[in-house]
Amino acid sequence: MNKTNKSILKRVKITGNKNILRRKMKQNHFNSKETGQKTGDKRSSITMITTKGMRQSISRYL
């Protein structure tokens, strides 16, 4: 079994249904000028649209 790639492990979560979740971009800083609706929208994760081959290649690193 291969070693786990820690950089991918920190950025991605695999759910029970084998969906891959990632964090929305532009969340780190300069958020004070944005509206409350925009900051609220950033709090949720995004399901990555992946094919079976892409899912297998990502899970190879985890």
PDB file of N, CA and C in Angstrom:
ATOM      1  N   MET A   1       0.834  -1.181   0.000  1.00  0.00           N
ATOM      2  CA  MET A   1       0.000   0.000   0.000  1.00  0.00           C
ATOM      3  C   MET A   1       0.882   1.249   0.000  1.00  0.00           C
ATOM      4  N   ASN A   2       0.479   2.238  -0.787  1.00  0.00           N
ATOM      5  CA  ASN A   2       1.259   3.460  -0.912  1.00  0.00           C
ATOM      6  C   ASN A   2       1.093   4.353   0.304  1.00  0.00           C
ATOM      7  N   LYS A   3       2.045   5.272   0.471  1.00  0.00           N
ATOM      8  CA  LYS A   3       1.950   6.251   1.541  1.00  0.00           C
ATOM      9  C   LYS A   3       0.864   7.274   1.199  1.00  0.00           C
ATOM     10  N   THR A   4       0.228   7.811   2.222  1.00  0.00           N
ATOM     11  CA  THR A   4      -0.814   8.805   2.032  1.00  0.00           C
ATOM     12  C   THR A   4      -0.188  10.149   1.693  1.00  0.00           C
ATOM     13  N   ASN A   5      -0.707  10.801   0.664  1.00  0.00           N
ATOM     14  CA  ASN A   5      -0.258  12.140   0.314  1.00  0.00           C
ATOM     15  C   ASN A   5      -0.984  13.130   1.219  1.00  0.00           C
ATOM     16  N   LYS A   6      -0.260  13.735   2.145  1.00  0.00           N
ATOM     17  CA  LYS A   6      -0.873  14.576   3.177  1.00  0.00           C
ATOM     18  C   LYS A   6      -1.444  15.864   2.617  1.00  0.00           C
ATOM     19  N   SER A   7      -0.873  16.395   1.538  1.00  0.00           N
ATOM     20  CA  SER A   7      -1.393  17.642   0.985  1.00  0.00           C
ATOM     21  C   SER A   7      -2.778  17.435   0.372  1.00  0.00           C
ATOM     22  N   ILE A   8      -3.002  16.301  -0.263  1.00  0.00           N
ATOM     23  CA  ILE A   8      -4.321  16.001  -0.815  1.00  0.00           C
ATOM     24  C   ILE A   8      -5.292  15.650   0.304  1.00  0.00           C
ATOM     25  N   LEU A   9      -4.816  14.953   1.315  1.00  0.00           N
ATOM     26  CA  LEU A   9      -5.661  14.558   2.437  1.00  0.00           C
ATOM     27  C   LEU A   9      -6.226  15.768   3.165  1.00  0.00           C
ATOM     28  N   LYS A  10      -5.456  16.862   3.243  1.00  0.00           N
ATOM     29  CA  LYS A  10      -5.918  18.069   3.919  1.00  0.00           C
ATOM     30  C   LYS A  10      -6.932  18.848   3.099  1.00  0.00           C
ATOM     31  N   ARG A  11      -6.936  18.684   1.791  1.00  0.00           N
ATOM     32  CA  ARG A  11      -7.793  19.475   0.920  1.00  0.00           C
ATOM     33  C   ARG A  11      -9.082  18.779   0.521  1.00  0.00           C
ATOM     34  N   VAL A  12      -9.156  17.467   0.687  1.00  0.00           N
ATOM     35  CA  VAL A  12     -10.246  16.676   0.120  1.00  0.00           C
ATOM     36  C   VAL A  12     -10.829  15.760   1.184  1.00  0.00           C
ATOM     37  N   LYS A  13     -12.149  15.530   1.098  1.00  0.00           N
ATOM     38  CA  LYS A  13     -12.798  14.547   1.963  1.00  0.00           C
ATOM     39  C   LYS A  13     -13.645  13.638   1.084  1.00  0.00           C
ATOM     40  N   ILE A  14     -13.569  12.343   1.312  1.00  0.00           N
ATOM     41  CA  ILE A  14     -14.372  11.381   0.562  1.00  0.00           C
ATOM     42  C   ILE A  14     -15.509  10.919   1.456  1.00  0.00           C
ATOM     43  N   THR A  15     -16.746  11.061   0.972  1.00  0.00           N
ATOM     44  CA  THR A  15     -17.920  10.694   1.748  1.00  0.00           C
ATOM     45  C   THR A  15     -18.190   9.203   1.623  1.00  0.00           C
ATOM     46  N   GLY A  16     -19.228   8.751   2.287  1.00  0.00           N
ATOM     47  CA  GLY A  16     -19.589   7.342   2.234  1.00  0.00           C
ATOM     48  C   GLY A  16     -20.061   6.896   0.870  1.00  0.00           C
ATOM     49  N   ASN A  17     -20.641   7.817   0.092  1.00  0.00           N
ATOM     50  CA  ASN A  17     -21.095   7.493  -1.259  1.00  0.00           C
ATOM     51  C   ASN A  17     -20.012   7.702  -2.304  1.00  0.00           C
ATOM     52  N   LYS A  18     -18.767   7.855  -1.853  1.00  0.00           N
ATOM     53  CA  LYS A  18     -17.603   8.047  -2.721  1.00  0.00           C
ATOM     54  C   LYS A  18     -17.627   9.390  -3.447  1.00  0.00           C
ATOM     55  N   ASN A  19     -18.364  10.383  -2.918  1.00  0.00           N
ATOM     56  CA  ASN A  19     -18.274  11.731  -3.459  1.00  0.00           C
ATOM     57  C   ASN A  19     -17.044  12.409  -2.877  1.00  0.00           C
ATOM     58  N   ILE A  20     -16.457  13.310  -3.638  1.00  0.00           N
ATOM     59  CA  ILE A  20     -15.262  14.017  -3.192  1.00  0.00           C
ATOM     60  C   ILE A  20     -15.652  15.453  -2.882  1.00  0.00           C
ATOM     61  N   LEU A  21     -15.432  15.884  -1.635  1.00  0.00           N
ATOM     62  CA  LEU A  21     -15.766  17.234  -1.209  1.00  0.00           C
ATOM     63  C   LEU A  21     -14.499  18.059  -1.095  1.00  0.00           C
ATOM     64  N   ARG A  22     -14.602  19.318  -1.474  1.00  0.00           N
ATOM     65  CA  ARG A  22     -13.491  20.247  -1.309  1.00  0.00           C
ATOM     66  C   ARG A  22     -14.038  21.567  -0.792  1.00  0.00           C
ATOM     67  N   ARG A  23     -13.143  22.416  -0.323  1.00  0.00           N
ATOM     68  CA  ARG A  23     -13.507  23.706   0.227  1.00  0.00           C
ATOM     69  C   ARG A  23     -13.664  24.727  -0.897  1.00  0.00           C
ATOM     70  N   LYS A  24     -14.556  25.699  -0.725  1.00  0.00           N
ATOM     71  CA  LYS A  24     -14.697  26.748  -1.721  1.00  0.00           C
ATOM     72  C   LYS A  24     -13.484  27.660  -1.705  1.00  0.00           C
ATOM     73  N   MET A  25     -13.178  28.260  -2.847  1.00  0.00           N
ATOM     74  CA  MET A  25     -11.996  29.111  -2.943  1.00  0.00           C
ATOM     75  C   MET A  25     -12.296  30.522  -2.443  1.00  0.00           C
ATOM     76  N   LYS A  26     -11.247  31.305  -2.255  1.00  0.00           N
ATOM     77  CA  LYS A  26     -11.295  32.708  -1.833  1.00  0.00           C
ATOM     78  C   LYS A  26     -11.909  32.881  -0.450  1.00  0.00           C
ATOM     79  N   GLN A  27     -11.554  32.025   0.488  1.00  0.00           N
ATOM     80  CA  GLN A  27     -12.086  32.116   1.846  1.00  0.00           C
ATOM     81  C   GLN A  27     -11.086  32.652   2.849  1.00  0.00           C
ATOM     82  N   ASN A  28      -9.834  32.789   2.504  1.00  0.00           N
ATOM     83  CA  ASN A  28      -8.805  33.011   3.501  1.00  0.00           C
ATOM     84  C   ASN A  28      -8.779  34.417   4.072  1.00  0.00           C
ATOM     85  N   HIS A  29      -8.709  35.441   3.231  1.00  0.00           N
ATOM     86  CA  HIS A  29      -8.616  36.802   3.749  1.00  0.00           C
ATOM     87  C   HIS A  29      -9.295  37.758   2.778  1.00  0.00           C
ATOM     88  N   PHE A  30      -9.397  39.024   3.172  1.00  0.00           N
ATOM     89  CA  PHE A  30     -10.115  40.070   2.437  1.00  0.00           C
ATOM     90  C   PHE A  30     -11.603  39.754   2.330  1.00  0.00           C
ATOM     91  N   ASN A  31     -12.190  39.234   3.387  1.00  0.00           N
ATOM     92  CA  ASN A  31     -13.605  38.889   3.365  1.00  0.00           C
ATOM     93  C   ASN A  31     -14.471  39.934   4.047  1.00  0.00           C
ATOM     94  N   SER A  32     -13.881  40.975   4.632  1.00  0.00           N
ATOM     95  CA  SER A  32     -14.667  41.932   5.401  1.00  0.00           C
ATOM     96  C   SER A  32     -15.535  42.811   4.513  1.00  0.00           C
ATOM     97  N   LYS A  33     -15.144  43.020   3.271  1.00  0.00           N
ATOM     98  CA  LYS A  33     -15.910  43.883   2.379  1.00  0.00           C
ATOM     99  C   LYS A  33     -17.075  43.157   1.716  1.00  0.00           C
ATOM    100  N   GLU A  34     -17.144  41.874   1.842  1.00  0.00           N
ATOM    101  CA  GLU A  34     -18.181  41.113   1.161  1.00  0.00           C
ATOM    102  C   GLU A  34     -19.486  41.149   1.939  1.00  0.00           C
ATOM    103  N   THR A  35     -20.560  40.890   1.239  1.00  0.00           N
ATOM    104  CA  THR A  35     -21.871  40.879   1.876  1.00  0.00           C
ATOM    105  C   THR A  35     -22.011  39.637   2.745  1.00  0.00           C
ATOM    106  N   GLY A  36     -22.992  39.660   3.623  1.00  0.00           N
ATOM    107  CA  GLY A  36     -23.227  38.512   4.486  1.00  0.00           C
ATOM    108  C   GLY A  36     -23.652  37.290   3.718  1.00  0.00           C
ATOM    109  N   GLN A  37     -24.356  37.507   2.617  1.00  0.00           N
ATOM    110  CA  GLN A  37     -24.791  36.372   1.809  1.00  0.00           C
ATOM    111  C   GLN A  37     -23.595  35.678   1.157  1.00  0.00           C
ATOM    112  N   LYS A  38     -22.632  36.457   0.710  1.00  0.00           N
ATOM    113  CA  LYS A  38     -21.445  35.864   0.091  1.00  0.00           C
ATOM    114  C   LYS A  38     -20.630  35.073   1.100  1.00  0.00           C
ATOM    115  N   THR A  39     -20.464  35.624   2.297  1.00  0.00           N
ATOM    116  CA  THR A  39     -19.683  34.897   3.295  1.00  0.00           C
ATOM    117  C   THR A  39     -20.425  33.655   3.763  1.00  0.00           C
ATOM    118  N   GLY A  40     -21.747  33.710   3.815  1.00  0.00           N
ATOM    119  CA  GLY A  40     -22.511  32.529   4.185  1.00  0.00           C
ATOM    120  C   GLY A  40     -22.439  31.440   3.139  1.00  0.00           C
ATOM    121  N   ASP A  41     -22.393  31.849   1.873  1.00  0.00           N
ATOM    122  CA  ASP A  41     -22.289  30.869   0.794  1.00  0.00           C
ATOM    123  C   ASP A  41     -20.951  30.143   0.807  1.00  0.00           C
ATOM    124  N   LYS A  42     -19.911  30.794   1.320  1.00  0.00           N
ATOM    125  CA  LYS A  42     -18.583  30.188   1.335  1.00  0.00           C
ATOM    126  C   LYS A  42     -18.428  29.130   2.418  1.00  0.00           C
ATOM    127  N   ARG A  43     -19.331  29.076   3.358  1.00  0.00           N
ATOM    128  CA  ARG A  43     -19.160  28.158   4.488  1.00  0.00           C
ATOM    129  C   ARG A  43     -19.391  26.698   4.117  1.00  0.00           C
ATOM    130  N   SER A  44     -20.092  26.442   3.037  1.00  0.00           N
ATOM    131  CA  SER A  44     -20.381  25.060   2.676  1.00  0.00           C
ATOM    132  C   SER A  44     -19.287  24.504   1.766  1.00  0.00           C
ATOM    133  N   SER A  45     -19.212  23.199   1.696  1.00  0.00           N
ATOM    134  CA  SER A  45     -18.246  22.534   0.824  1.00  0.00           C
ATOM    135  C   SER A  45     -18.861  22.298  -0.546  1.00  0.00           C
ATOM    136  N   ILE A  46     -18.026  22.045  -1.521  1.00  0.00           N
ATOM    137  CA  ILE A  46     -18.458  21.787  -2.886  1.00  0.00           C
ATOM    138  C   ILE A  46     -18.171  20.330  -3.219  1.00  0.00           C
ATOM    139  N   THR A  47     -19.133  19.674  -3.863  1.00  0.00           N
ATOM    140  CA  THR A  47     -18.890  18.332  -4.373  1.00  0.00           C
ATOM    141  C   THR A  47     -18.203  18.460  -5.721  1.00  0.00           C
ATOM    142  N   MET A  48     -17.046  17.861  -5.840  1.00  0.00           N
ATOM    143  CA  MET A  48     -16.315  17.912  -7.103  1.00  0.00           C
ATOM    144  C   MET A  48     -16.988  16.996  -8.111  1.00  0.00           C
ATOM    145  N   ILE A  49     -17.131  17.471  -9.336  1.00  0.00           N
ATOM    146  CA  ILE A  49     -17.677  16.644 -10.404  1.00  0.00           C
ATOM    147  C   ILE A  49     -16.531  15.773 -10.913  1.00  0.00           C
ATOM    148  N   THR A  50     -16.630  14.501 -10.646  1.00  0.00           N
ATOM    149  CA  THR A  50     -15.530  13.610 -10.993  1.00  0.00           C
ATOM    150  C   THR A  50     -16.039  12.416 -11.783  1.00  0.00           C
ATOM    151  N   THR A  51     -15.185  11.928 -12.634  1.00  0.00           N
ATOM    152  CA  THR A  51     -15.459  10.682 -13.327  1.00  0.00           C
ATOM    153  C   THR A  51     -14.903   9.537 -12.488  1.00  0.00           C
ATOM    154  N   LYS A  52     -15.199   8.342 -12.894  1.00  0.00           N
ATOM    155  CA  LYS A  52     -14.727   7.185 -12.139  1.00  0.00           C
ATOM    156  C   LYS A  52     -13.203   7.110 -12.143  1.00  0.00           C
ATOM    157  N   GLY A  53     -12.589   7.413 -13.276  1.00  0.00           N
ATOM    158  CA  GLY A  53     -11.131   7.379 -13.361  1.00  0.00           C
ATOM    159  C   GLY A  53     -10.470   8.440 -12.504  1.00  0.00           C
ATOM    160  N   MET A  54     -11.075   9.627 -12.466  1.00  0.00           N
ATOM    161  CA  MET A  54     -10.527  10.705 -11.637  1.00  0.00           C
ATOM    162  C   MET A  54     -10.663  10.369 -10.162  1.00  0.00           C
ATOM    163  N   ARG A  55     -11.777   9.757  -9.801  1.00  0.00           N
ATOM    164  CA  ARG A  55     -12.000   9.343  -8.413  1.00  0.00           C
ATOM    165  C   ARG A  55     -10.972   8.296  -7.992  1.00  0.00           C
ATOM    166  N   GLN A  56     -10.662   7.375  -8.898  1.00  0.00           N
ATOM    167  CA  GLN A  56      -9.673   6.346  -8.588  1.00  0.00           C
ATOM    168  C   GLN A  56      -8.274   6.929  -8.447  1.00  0.00           C
ATOM    169  N   SER A  57      -7.951   7.915  -9.286  1.00  0.00           N
ATOM    170  CA  SER A  57      -6.613   8.496  -9.202  1.00  0.00           C
ATOM    171  C   SER A  57      -6.444   9.319  -7.933  1.00  0.00           C
ATOM    172  N   ILE A  58      -7.497   9.989  -7.468  1.00  0.00           N
ATOM    173  CA  ILE A  58      -7.411  10.737  -6.210  1.00  0.00           C
ATOM    174  C   ILE A  58      -7.350   9.784  -5.028  1.00  0.00           C
ATOM    175  N   SER A  59      -8.159   8.738  -5.060  1.00  0.00           N
ATOM    176  CA  SER A  59      -8.165   7.803  -3.933  1.00  0.00           C
ATOM    177  C   SER A  59      -6.865   7.002  -3.854  1.00  0.00           C
ATOM    178  N   ARG A  60      -6.088   6.958  -4.929  1.00  0.00           N
ATOM    179  CA  ARG A  60      -4.791   6.297  -4.900  1.00  0.00           C
ATOM    180  C   ARG A  60      -3.822   7.023  -3.966  1.00  0.00           C
ATOM    181  N   TYR A  61      -3.999   8.333  -3.833  1.00  0.00           N
ATOM    182  CA  TYR A  61      -3.120   9.124  -2.973  1.00  0.00           C
ATOM    183  C   TYR A  61      -3.562   9.122  -1.515  1.00  0.00           C
ATOM    184  N   LEU A  62      -4.766   8.664  -1.236  1.00  0.00           N
ATOM    185  CA  LEU A  62      -5.290   8.734   0.136  1.00  0.00           C
ATOM    186  C   LEU A  62      -5.144   7.434   0.873  1.00  0.00           C
TER     187      LEU A  62
END
